[in-house]
Amino acid sequence: MNENEIREYALMKATFKWLLISMLWQGLELWFYGATRPSNEDTIIGFILWYYIMRCECMKRGVWWKRGGDNGKR
């Protein structure tokens, strides 16, 4: 697998994990409150969570996008 295929796989896996966590969160909200309510805070937290899941998946496979230079290696 080349780097792009690995990144694509990591993206799919991260999105799947994010969807599972989101569905679990909605289920708990439904159970405790009896209804789900859309909120901006949940959306923002969800995108931040997705970013960190994506970053973790890429870093596990060693394909995180470099910001330049030696990527922190000395």
C-alpha atoms as a PDB file:
ATOM      1  CA  MET A   1       0.000   0.000   0.000  1.00  0.00           C
ATOM      2  CA  ASN A   2       1.284   3.433  -0.814  1.00  0.00           C
ATOM      3  CA  GLU A   3       0.936   6.454   1.485  1.00  0.00           C
ATOM      4  CA  ASN A   4      -2.261   7.750  -0.104  1.00  0.00           C
ATOM      5  CA  GLU A   5      -4.004   4.384   0.239  1.00  0.00           C
ATOM      6  CA  ILE A   6      -2.946   4.167   3.873  1.00  0.00           C
ATOM      7  CA  ARG A   7      -4.281   7.696   4.490  1.00  0.00           C
ATOM      8  CA  GLU A   8      -7.531   6.794   2.757  1.00  0.00           C
ATOM      9  CA  TYR A   9      -7.891   3.684   4.938  1.00  0.00           C
ATOM     10  CA  ALA A  10      -7.131   5.742   8.059  1.00  0.00           C
ATOM     11  CA  LEU A  11      -9.748   8.314   6.994  1.00  0.00           C
ATOM     12  CA  MET A  12     -12.412   5.623   6.557  1.00  0.00           C
ATOM     13  CA  LYS A  13     -11.535   3.989   9.870  1.00  0.00           C
ATOM     14  CA  ALA A  14     -11.518   7.316  11.749  1.00  0.00           C
ATOM     15  CA  THR A  15     -14.860   8.331  10.238  1.00  0.00           C
ATOM     16  CA  PHE A  16     -16.372   4.971  11.172  1.00  0.00           C
ATOM     17  CA  LYS A  17     -15.153   5.313  14.779  1.00  0.00           C
ATOM     18  CA  TRP A  18     -16.468   8.875  14.919  1.00  0.00           C
ATOM     19  CA  LEU A  19     -19.879   7.735  13.650  1.00  0.00           C
ATOM     20  CA  LEU A  20     -20.048   4.981  16.265  1.00  0.00           C
ATOM     21  CA  ILE A  21     -19.188   7.398  19.076  1.00  0.00           C
ATOM     22  CA  SER A  22     -21.734   9.916  17.747  1.00  0.00           C
ATOM     23  CA  MET A  23     -24.453   7.262  17.575  1.00  0.00           C
ATOM     24  CA  LEU A  24     -23.634   6.121  21.110  1.00  0.00           C
ATOM     25  CA  TRP A  25     -23.813   9.743  22.310  1.00  0.00           C
ATOM     26  CA  GLN A  26     -27.198  10.236  20.611  1.00  0.00           C
ATOM     27  CA  GLY A  27     -28.451   6.987  22.138  1.00  0.00           C
ATOM     28  CA  LEU A  28     -27.417   8.072  25.630  1.00  0.00           C
ATOM     29  CA  GLU A  29     -29.063  11.457  25.103  1.00  0.00           C
ATOM     30  CA  LEU A  30     -32.250   9.726  23.983  1.00  0.00           C
ATOM     31  CA  TRP A  31     -32.162   7.373  26.971  1.00  0.00           C
ATOM     32  CA  PHE A  32     -31.503  10.029  29.614  1.00  0.00           C
ATOM     33  CA  TYR A  33     -33.525  12.954  28.223  1.00  0.00           C
ATOM     34  CA  GLY A  34     -36.148  11.203  26.113  1.00  0.00           C
ATOM     35  CA  ALA A  35     -35.249  13.214  22.996  1.00  0.00           C
ATOM     36  CA  THR A  36     -32.207  14.285  21.052  1.00  0.00           C
ATOM     37  CA  ARG A  37     -31.580  17.974  20.585  1.00  0.00           C
ATOM     38  CA  PRO A  38     -29.180  19.440  18.022  1.00  0.00           C
ATOM     39  CA  SER A  39     -26.618  21.758  19.576  1.00  0.00           C
ATOM     40  CA  ASN A  40     -23.683  23.746  18.267  1.00  0.00           C
ATOM     41  CA  GLU A  41     -21.500  22.564  21.132  1.00  0.00           C
ATOM     42  CA  ASP A  42     -22.001  18.910  20.189  1.00  0.00           C
ATOM     43  CA  THR A  43     -21.131  19.706  16.574  1.00  0.00           C
ATOM     44  CA  ILE A  44     -17.926  21.531  17.503  1.00  0.00           C
ATOM     45  CA  ILE A  45     -16.859  18.838  19.953  1.00  0.00           C
ATOM     46  CA  GLY A  46     -17.657  16.195  17.318  1.00  0.00           C
ATOM     47  CA  PHE A  47     -15.384  17.799  14.720  1.00  0.00           C
ATOM     48  CA  ILE A  48     -12.562  18.186  17.234  1.00  0.00           C
ATOM     49  CA  LEU A  49     -13.014  14.538  18.234  1.00  0.00           C
ATOM     50  CA  TRP A  50     -12.951  13.450  14.572  1.00  0.00           C
ATOM     51  CA  TYR A  51      -9.716  15.398  13.991  1.00  0.00           C
ATOM     52  CA  TYR A  52      -7.959  13.692  16.885  1.00  0.00           C
ATOM     53  CA  ILE A  53      -9.232  10.229  15.911  1.00  0.00           C
ATOM     54  CA  MET A  54      -7.995  10.878  12.347  1.00  0.00           C
ATOM     55  CA  ARG A  55      -4.630  12.102  13.610  1.00  0.00           C
ATOM     56  CA  CYS A  56      -4.244   9.033  15.834  1.00  0.00           C
ATOM     57  CA  GLU A  57      -5.108   6.643  12.999  1.00  0.00           C
ATOM     58  CA  CYS A  58      -2.594   8.296  10.663  1.00  0.00           C
ATOM     59  CA  MET A  59       0.140   8.459  13.276  1.00  0.00           C
ATOM     60  CA  LYS A  60      -0.344   4.749  14.088  1.00  0.00           C
ATOM     61  CA  ARG A  61       0.419   4.029  10.441  1.00  0.00           C
ATOM     62  CA  GLY A  62       3.188   6.623  10.173  1.00  0.00           C
ATOM     63  CA  VAL A  63       1.559   8.741   7.471  1.00  0.00           C
ATOM     64  CA  TRP A  64       0.594  11.954   9.283  1.00  0.00           C
ATOM     65  CA  TRP A  65       0.948  15.006   7.036  1.00  0.00           C
ATOM     66  CA  LYS A  66       4.239  16.761   7.601  1.00  0.00           C
ATOM     67  CA  ARG A  67       4.378  20.489   8.229  1.00  0.00           C
ATOM     68  CA  GLY A  68       7.766  20.811   6.621  1.00  0.00           C
ATOM     69  CA  GLY A  69      11.402  20.241   7.289  1.00  0.00           C
ATOM     70  CA  ASP A  70      12.340  17.157   9.220  1.00  0.00           C
ATOM     71  CA  ASN A  71       8.930  16.788  10.947  1.00  0.00           C
ATOM     72  CA  GLY A  72      10.487  17.237  14.379  1.00  0.00           C
ATOM     73  CA  LYS A  73      13.173  14.594  13.962  1.00  0.00           C
ATOM     74  CA  ARG A  74      16.736  15.438  14.933  1.00  0.00           C
END
